Structures are given as structure tokens and as C-alpha cells.
């Protein structure tokens, strides 16, 4: 019957969609690592998938474990992360505004 052919026809399409989703996720991970580590090798969009995963593990293992910190150290860590995130957000907003076509810059006060 023709209903038996449907799964066989869909299998290649589903596999293609799964690979595309995996590749998009790896690309986002590569960009996050580039932003978080500054590793210039990650600028290359052709970097191997295994290398992206390996660098992700290295990055995560290098992060401090909050449960092992004293309360004041944890507070300092959280404050640093907050400031870092705030600066990154501000930089992204500035890039976005700078890249708007036809946008004019306000005059600087005297």
C-alpha cells in the first residue's frame, strides 16, 4: 500500500532537517564561544564541529563552580557576570544602532 512508502520518503527529508538544525546550533555555539573566549580561530566558519564541542567543554570546565565559593566570592562573581553581560548588551545595542542604514549621529555637545 502507498501508506508504507510515506515513512521511507520522509526519512531523508527528516534527516536533512535534523542535520540543518544541528548545524545551526553548532554555528550559534561557535559564535558564543568566539564572543566569550576571543579565540580568533573561531572566526573561521569552517571550524570543525568536533573542535567547537571540545572548546565548549573546555570553556564550561574553566567556569567557577558557584557551590564551591564563599558567599562573598559568589557575590563578586555574580556582580562581575552581571556587569559583563550589561557591557555585552550595550555593545550589541551600539553596533545595532551604528549599522542602521541612513541613521544620523547626534551632534556632540560643545
N, C-alpha and C. Protein backbone atom coordinates (compact mmCIF):
# COMPACT_ATOMS: atom_id res chain seq x y z
N UNK A 1 0.84 -1.19 0.00
CA UNK A 1 0.00 0.00 0.00
C UNK A 1 0.88 1.24 0.00
N UNK A 2 0.30 2.35 -0.45
CA UNK A 2 1.09 3.59 -0.57
C UNK A 2 1.45 4.18 0.78
N UNK A 3 0.69 3.86 1.84
CA UNK A 3 1.00 4.40 3.16
C UNK A 3 2.31 3.85 3.71
N UNK A 4 2.76 2.72 3.20
CA UNK A 4 4.05 2.17 3.64
C UNK A 4 5.21 2.96 3.06
N UNK A 5 4.99 3.64 1.94
CA UNK A 5 6.05 4.40 1.29
C UNK A 5 6.29 5.75 1.96
N UNK A 6 5.30 6.25 2.65
CA UNK A 6 5.42 7.58 3.24
C UNK A 6 6.61 7.68 4.20
N UNK A 7 6.74 6.77 5.17
CA UNK A 7 7.91 6.88 6.07
C UNK A 7 9.24 6.79 5.32
N UNK A 8 9.29 5.97 4.29
CA UNK A 8 10.54 5.84 3.53
C UNK A 8 10.84 7.12 2.75
N UNK A 9 9.80 7.81 2.29
CA UNK A 9 10.00 9.06 1.57
C UNK A 9 10.36 10.20 2.52
N UNK A 10 9.81 10.17 3.72
CA UNK A 10 10.06 11.23 4.69
C UNK A 10 11.41 11.11 5.38
N UNK A 11 11.92 9.91 5.47
CA UNK A 11 13.16 9.69 6.22
C UNK A 11 14.31 10.58 5.74
N UNK A 12 14.60 10.67 4.44
CA UNK A 12 15.69 11.56 4.01
C UNK A 12 15.42 13.03 4.32
N UNK A 13 14.17 13.45 4.18
CA UNK A 13 13.82 14.84 4.48
C UNK A 13 14.00 15.13 5.97
N UNK A 14 13.53 14.23 6.81
CA UNK A 14 13.67 14.42 8.26
C UNK A 14 15.14 14.43 8.67
N UNK A 15 15.94 13.58 8.05
CA UNK A 15 17.37 13.55 8.35
C UNK A 15 18.03 14.86 7.93
N UNK A 16 17.64 15.38 6.78
CA UNK A 16 18.19 16.66 6.31
C UNK A 16 17.82 17.78 7.28
N UNK A 17 16.59 17.81 7.73
CA UNK A 17 16.15 18.83 8.68
C UNK A 17 16.90 18.71 10.01
N UNK A 18 17.13 17.47 10.45
CA UNK A 18 17.86 17.25 11.70
C UNK A 18 19.29 17.77 11.58
N UNK A 19 19.95 17.47 10.45
CA UNK A 19 21.32 17.95 10.23
C UNK A 19 21.38 19.47 10.17
N UNK A 20 20.40 20.09 9.50
CA UNK A 20 20.37 21.55 9.42
C UNK A 20 20.20 22.16 10.81
N UNK A 21 19.35 21.56 11.64
CA UNK A 21 19.15 22.07 13.00
C UNK A 21 20.43 21.94 13.82
N UNK A 22 21.09 20.80 13.69
CA UNK A 22 22.35 20.58 14.40
C UNK A 22 23.40 21.59 13.94
N UNK A 23 23.50 21.82 12.65
CA UNK A 23 24.48 22.77 12.13
C UNK A 23 24.19 24.20 12.58
N UNK A 24 22.91 24.59 12.62
CA UNK A 24 22.56 25.93 13.12
C UNK A 24 22.95 26.07 14.59
N UNK A 25 22.70 25.03 15.36
CA UNK A 25 23.05 25.08 16.79
C UNK A 25 24.56 25.17 16.98
N UNK A 26 25.31 24.42 16.20
CA UNK A 26 26.77 24.48 16.30
C UNK A 26 27.29 25.85 15.87
N UNK A 27 26.67 26.44 14.88
CA UNK A 27 27.08 27.78 14.45
C UNK A 27 26.82 28.80 15.55
N UNK A 28 25.68 28.73 16.21
CA UNK A 28 25.39 29.64 17.32
C UNK A 28 26.39 29.42 18.45
N UNK A 29 26.72 28.17 18.72
CA UNK A 29 27.69 27.84 19.76
C UNK A 29 29.06 28.40 19.40
N UNK A 30 29.46 28.28 18.13
CA UNK A 30 30.75 28.83 17.69
C UNK A 30 30.80 30.34 17.93
N UNK A 31 29.72 31.04 17.59
CA UNK A 31 29.70 32.49 17.77
C UNK A 31 29.71 32.88 19.25
N UNK A 32 29.00 32.12 20.08
CA UNK A 32 29.02 32.39 21.52
C UNK A 32 30.41 32.18 22.09
N UNK A 33 31.07 31.10 21.65
CA UNK A 33 32.44 30.84 22.12
C UNK A 33 33.39 31.94 21.67
N UNK A 34 33.24 32.38 20.43
CA UNK A 34 34.10 33.45 19.93
C UNK A 34 33.92 34.69 20.79
N UNK A 35 32.68 35.01 21.10
CA UNK A 35 32.39 36.18 21.94
C UNK A 35 32.91 35.98 23.36
N UNK A 36 32.74 34.77 23.90
CA UNK A 36 33.10 34.52 25.29
C UNK A 36 34.58 34.30 25.53
N UNK A 37 35.28 33.78 24.52
CA UNK A 37 36.69 33.45 24.72
C UNK A 37 37.63 34.35 23.93
N UNK A 38 37.14 34.93 22.84
CA UNK A 38 38.00 35.74 21.98
C UNK A 38 38.97 34.90 21.16
N UNK A 39 38.79 33.59 21.14
CA UNK A 39 39.66 32.69 20.37
C UNK A 39 39.46 32.98 18.88
N UNK A 40 40.47 33.57 18.25
CA UNK A 40 40.36 34.02 16.86
C UNK A 40 40.20 32.86 15.88
N UNK A 41 40.60 31.66 16.27
CA UNK A 41 40.41 30.51 15.38
C UNK A 41 38.93 30.25 15.14
N UNK A 42 38.08 30.71 16.07
CA UNK A 42 36.64 30.50 15.93
C UNK A 42 36.01 31.49 14.96
N UNK A 43 36.80 32.44 14.44
CA UNK A 43 36.28 33.36 13.42
C UNK A 43 36.00 32.60 12.12
N UNK A 44 36.72 31.52 11.90
CA UNK A 44 36.56 30.72 10.69
C UNK A 44 35.26 29.92 10.78
N UNK A 45 34.28 30.20 9.91
CA UNK A 45 33.02 29.46 9.98
C UNK A 45 33.17 27.98 9.60
N UNK A 46 34.32 27.62 9.06
CA UNK A 46 34.54 26.23 8.65
C UNK A 46 35.23 25.40 9.74
N UNK A 47 35.34 25.95 10.95
CA UNK A 47 35.99 25.21 12.04
C UNK A 47 35.23 23.89 12.25
N UNK A 48 35.96 22.84 12.56
CA UNK A 48 35.35 21.51 12.69
C UNK A 48 34.36 21.47 13.84
N UNK A 49 33.31 20.69 13.63
CA UNK A 49 32.27 20.53 14.65
C UNK A 49 32.85 19.96 15.94
N UNK A 50 33.74 19.00 15.81
CA UNK A 50 34.35 18.39 16.99
C UNK A 50 35.15 19.42 17.78
N UNK A 51 35.80 20.34 17.07
CA UNK A 51 36.58 21.38 17.75
C UNK A 51 35.66 22.34 18.51
N UNK A 52 34.51 22.67 17.91
CA UNK A 52 33.55 23.53 18.59
C UNK A 52 33.09 22.87 19.89
N UNK A 53 32.77 21.59 19.82
CA UNK A 53 32.31 20.87 21.01
C UNK A 53 33.42 20.77 22.05
N UNK A 54 34.64 20.50 21.60
CA UNK A 54 35.78 20.40 22.53
C UNK A 54 36.03 21.74 23.23
N UNK A 55 36.01 22.83 22.47
CA UNK A 55 36.23 24.15 23.07
C UNK A 55 35.09 24.52 24.02
N UNK A 56 33.89 24.06 23.72
CA UNK A 56 32.76 24.30 24.62
C UNK A 56 32.99 23.62 25.95
N UNK A 57 33.43 22.37 25.91
CA UNK A 57 33.72 21.65 27.15
C UNK A 57 34.83 22.34 27.94
N UNK A 58 35.89 22.76 27.26
CA UNK A 58 36.98 23.46 27.94
C UNK A 58 36.47 24.74 28.60
N UNK A 59 35.65 25.48 27.88
CA UNK A 59 35.11 26.73 28.41
C UNK A 59 34.26 26.47 29.64
N UNK A 60 33.37 25.49 29.55
CA UNK A 60 32.48 25.19 30.68
C UNK A 60 33.25 24.68 31.89
N UNK A 61 34.27 23.86 31.65
CA UNK A 61 35.06 23.34 32.77
C UNK A 61 35.87 24.44 33.45
N UNK A 62 36.22 25.48 32.70
CA UNK A 62 37.02 26.57 33.27
C UNK A 62 36.17 27.53 34.10
N UNK A 63 34.86 27.42 34.00
CA UNK A 63 33.99 28.33 34.75
C UNK A 63 34.00 27.96 36.23
N UNK A 64 33.99 28.97 37.10
CA UNK A 64 33.96 28.67 38.54
C UNK A 64 32.64 27.98 38.92
N UNK A 65 32.72 27.08 39.87
CA UNK A 65 31.53 26.39 40.36
C UNK A 65 31.00 27.16 41.56
N UNK A 66 29.84 27.81 41.40
CA UNK A 66 29.31 28.67 42.47
C UNK A 66 29.15 27.97 43.82
N UNK A 67 28.83 26.68 43.80
CA UNK A 67 28.61 25.99 45.08
C UNK A 67 29.89 25.83 45.89
N UNK A 68 31.06 25.99 45.25
CA UNK A 68 32.32 25.84 45.97
C UNK A 68 32.88 27.18 46.46
N UNK A 69 32.15 28.28 46.23
CA UNK A 69 32.64 29.60 46.60
C UNK A 69 32.06 30.05 47.94
N UNK A 70 32.84 30.85 48.63
CA UNK A 70 32.35 31.50 49.85
C UNK A 70 31.30 32.53 49.43
N UNK A 71 30.38 32.89 50.32
CA UNK A 71 29.31 33.83 49.95
C UNK A 71 29.81 35.14 49.33
N UNK A 72 30.88 35.72 49.89
CA UNK A 72 31.37 36.98 49.33
C UNK A 72 32.00 36.77 47.95
N UNK A 73 32.66 35.62 47.75
CA UNK A 73 33.22 35.32 46.43
C UNK A 73 32.10 35.12 45.40
N UNK A 74 31.04 34.45 45.82
CA UNK A 74 29.90 34.24 44.94
C UNK A 74 29.27 35.57 44.56
N UNK A 75 29.14 36.46 45.53
CA UNK A 75 28.57 37.78 45.25
C UNK A 75 29.43 38.54 44.25
N UNK A 76 30.76 38.47 44.42
CA UNK A 76 31.67 39.14 43.48
C UNK A 76 31.56 38.53 42.08
N UNK A 77 31.48 37.19 42.02
CA UNK A 77 31.36 36.51 40.73
C UNK A 77 30.07 36.93 40.03
N UNK A 78 28.97 36.94 40.76
CA UNK A 78 27.70 37.32 40.15
C UNK A 78 27.71 38.78 39.70
N UNK A 79 28.34 39.65 40.48
CA UNK A 79 28.43 41.06 40.09
C UNK A 79 29.26 41.22 38.82
N UNK A 80 30.39 40.47 38.73
CA UNK A 80 31.22 40.53 37.52
C UNK A 80 30.44 40.04 36.30
N UNK A 81 29.72 38.94 36.48
CA UNK A 81 28.93 38.40 35.36
C UNK A 81 27.83 39.38 34.94
N UNK A 82 27.21 40.01 35.91
CA UNK A 82 26.16 40.99 35.61
C UNK A 82 26.75 42.15 34.81
N UNK A 83 27.87 42.71 35.29
CA UNK A 83 28.50 43.83 34.59
C UNK A 83 28.95 43.42 33.19
N UNK A 84 29.51 42.22 33.08
CA UNK A 84 29.96 41.73 31.79
C UNK A 84 28.79 41.59 30.82
N UNK A 85 27.70 41.04 31.30
CA UNK A 85 26.51 40.90 30.46
C UNK A 85 25.94 42.25 30.06
N UNK A 86 25.96 43.18 31.00
CA UNK A 86 25.45 44.52 30.72
C UNK A 86 26.31 45.19 29.65
N UNK A 87 27.65 45.07 29.78
CA UNK A 87 28.55 45.67 28.79
C UNK A 87 28.35 45.02 27.42
N UNK A 88 28.19 43.69 27.39
CA UNK A 88 27.98 43.00 26.12
C UNK A 88 26.67 43.46 25.47
N UNK A 89 25.64 43.62 26.27
CA UNK A 89 24.35 44.09 25.75
C UNK A 89 24.48 45.51 25.21
N UNK A 90 25.17 46.35 25.93
CA UNK A 90 25.38 47.73 25.49
C UNK A 90 26.17 47.77 24.18
N UNK A 91 27.19 46.94 24.08
CA UNK A 91 28.00 46.89 22.85
C UNK A 91 27.15 46.41 21.68
N UNK A 92 26.31 45.41 21.91
CA UNK A 92 25.43 44.93 20.83
C UNK A 92 24.46 46.00 20.39
N UNK A 93 23.88 46.71 21.36
CA UNK A 93 22.94 47.78 21.03
C UNK A 93 23.64 48.87 20.24
N UNK A 94 24.86 49.22 20.63
CA UNK A 94 25.62 50.25 19.92
C UNK A 94 25.92 49.80 18.49
N UNK A 95 26.31 48.53 18.30
CA UNK A 95 26.56 48.02 16.95
C UNK A 95 25.29 48.06 16.11
N UNK A 96 24.18 47.66 16.72
CA UNK A 96 22.90 47.68 16.01
C UNK A 96 22.57 49.09 15.55
N UNK A 97 22.67 50.05 16.46
CA UNK A 97 22.34 51.43 16.11
C UNK A 97 23.31 51.99 15.07
N UNK A 98 24.58 51.64 15.18
CA UNK A 98 25.59 52.12 14.24
C UNK A 98 25.33 51.58 12.83
N UNK A 99 24.80 50.36 12.75
CA UNK A 99 24.62 49.71 11.46
C UNK A 99 23.29 50.01 10.78
N UNK A 100 22.46 50.84 11.38
CA UNK A 100 21.18 51.18 10.75
C UNK A 100 21.47 52.05 9.53
N UNK A 101 21.04 51.59 8.35
CA UNK A 101 21.30 52.39 7.14
C UNK A 101 20.60 53.74 7.21
N UNK A 102 21.31 54.78 6.86
CA UNK A 102 20.74 56.12 6.82
C UNK A 102 20.59 56.79 8.16
N UNK A 103 21.01 56.13 9.22
CA UNK A 103 20.90 56.74 10.55
C UNK A 103 21.93 57.86 10.67
N UNK A 104 21.55 58.91 11.33
CA UNK A 104 22.49 60.01 11.54
C UNK A 104 22.93 60.01 12.99
N UNK A 105 24.10 60.46 13.19
CA UNK A 105 24.65 60.54 14.54
C UNK A 105 24.24 61.89 15.14
N UNK A 106 23.85 61.90 16.41
CA UNK A 106 23.52 63.18 17.04
C UNK A 106 24.78 64.03 17.19
N UNK A 107 24.58 65.32 17.13
CA UNK A 107 25.71 66.24 17.30
C UNK A 107 26.23 66.11 18.73
N UNK A 108 27.53 66.14 18.88
CA UNK A 108 28.11 66.06 20.21
C UNK A 108 28.02 67.43 20.86
N UNK A 109 27.68 67.47 22.13
CA UNK A 109 27.57 68.76 22.81
C UNK A 109 28.92 69.45 22.89
N UNK A 110 28.91 70.79 22.86
CA UNK A 110 30.19 71.54 22.90
C UNK A 110 30.88 71.42 24.24
